[in-house]
Amino acid sequence: MNGGNVVAGGILENRFLGIVKDQKNTPQRLNIENIPGMGSVAVRWIVEGGNSFTVTVDSEKGGKAVRNSK
């Protein structure tokens, strides 16, 4: 995650209830063990400042994907 100041970040364990497993060290760069094939992993960041953000996923098998917000 680039853009703004990341205050907190984590993996959503239950996105319907909003339960997040926070990552204490370097919350702007989340370390995810596994993204299941044909599946997804939901993440959440709390960011202050900035107008646009870039999220990059870099996976050994899945390759690299980049998304920009406007």
Protein backbone atom coordinates (compact mmCIF):
# COMPACT_ATOMS: atom_id res chain seq x y z
CA MET A 1 0.00 0.00 0.00
CA ASN A 2 1.44 3.36 -1.04
CA GLY A 3 -0.01 6.84 -0.52
CA GLY A 4 -0.83 8.55 2.74
CA ASN A 5 0.28 7.40 6.17
CA VAL A 6 -0.84 3.88 7.10
CA VAL A 7 -1.96 3.87 10.73
CA ALA A 8 -3.05 0.21 10.90
CA GLY A 9 -3.47 -2.74 8.57
CA GLY A 10 -4.59 -6.32 8.80
CA ILE A 11 -6.35 -9.32 7.33
CA LEU A 12 -10.11 -9.55 7.74
CA GLU A 13 -10.84 -12.86 9.42
CA ASN A 14 -14.59 -12.23 9.17
CA ARG A 15 -15.51 -9.37 6.85
CA PHE A 16 -19.20 -9.52 7.76
CA LEU A 17 -18.48 -8.93 11.46
CA GLY A 18 -15.46 -6.69 10.79
CA ILE A 19 -13.03 -8.92 12.72
CA VAL A 20 -9.48 -7.97 11.73
CA LYS A 21 -6.20 -9.68 12.62
CA ASP A 22 -3.91 -6.65 12.88
CA GLN A 23 -0.32 -6.77 11.72
CA LYS A 24 1.73 -4.80 14.25
CA ASN A 25 5.00 -4.40 12.30
CA THR A 26 4.98 -2.62 8.93
CA PRO A 27 1.18 -2.44 8.52
CA GLN A 28 1.58 -0.86 5.07
CA ARG A 29 3.06 -4.15 3.80
CA LEU A 30 0.81 -7.06 4.78
CA ASN A 31 2.33 -10.53 4.75
CA ILE A 32 -0.23 -13.12 3.72
CA GLU A 33 0.72 -16.80 3.95
CA ASN A 34 -1.59 -18.05 1.21
CA ILE A 35 -4.22 -16.80 -1.21
CA PRO A 36 -6.26 -19.88 -2.11
CA GLY A 37 -6.63 -20.80 -5.79
CA MET A 38 -9.80 -19.20 -7.22
CA GLY A 39 -10.26 -17.59 -3.79
CA SER A 40 -9.65 -14.27 -2.11
CA VAL A 41 -8.28 -12.68 1.04
CA ALA A 42 -9.86 -9.47 2.36
CA VAL A 43 -7.58 -6.85 3.93
CA ARG A 44 -8.18 -3.50 5.59
CA TRP A 45 -5.99 -0.45 6.10
CA ILE A 46 -6.63 2.67 8.13
CA VAL A 47 -4.89 5.55 6.35
CA GLU A 48 -4.56 9.25 7.14
CA GLY A 49 -3.75 11.85 4.50
CA GLY A 50 -3.28 11.34 0.78
CA ASN A 51 -5.79 11.44 -2.08
CA SER A 52 -4.86 8.39 -4.11
CA PHE A 53 -3.48 5.01 -3.11
CA THR A 54 -1.73 2.13 -4.85
CA VAL A 55 -2.17 -1.48 -3.72
CA THR A 56 0.22 -4.09 -5.12
CA VAL A 57 -0.10 -7.87 -4.78
CA ASP A 58 3.09 -9.76 -5.56
CA SER A 59 2.74 -13.54 -5.54
CA GLU A 60 5.32 -16.18 -6.40
CA LYS A 61 2.87 -18.28 -8.41
CA GLY A 62 0.13 -15.75 -9.20
CA GLY A 63 2.33 -12.91 -10.44
CA LYS A 64 1.91 -9.23 -9.76
CA ALA A 65 -1.24 -7.08 -9.77
CA VAL A 66 -1.45 -3.32 -9.16
CA ARG A 67 -4.59 -1.24 -8.44
CA ASN A 68 -4.76 2.55 -8.13
CA SER A 69 -7.54 4.52 -6.45
CA LYS A 70 -8.59 7.96 -7.59
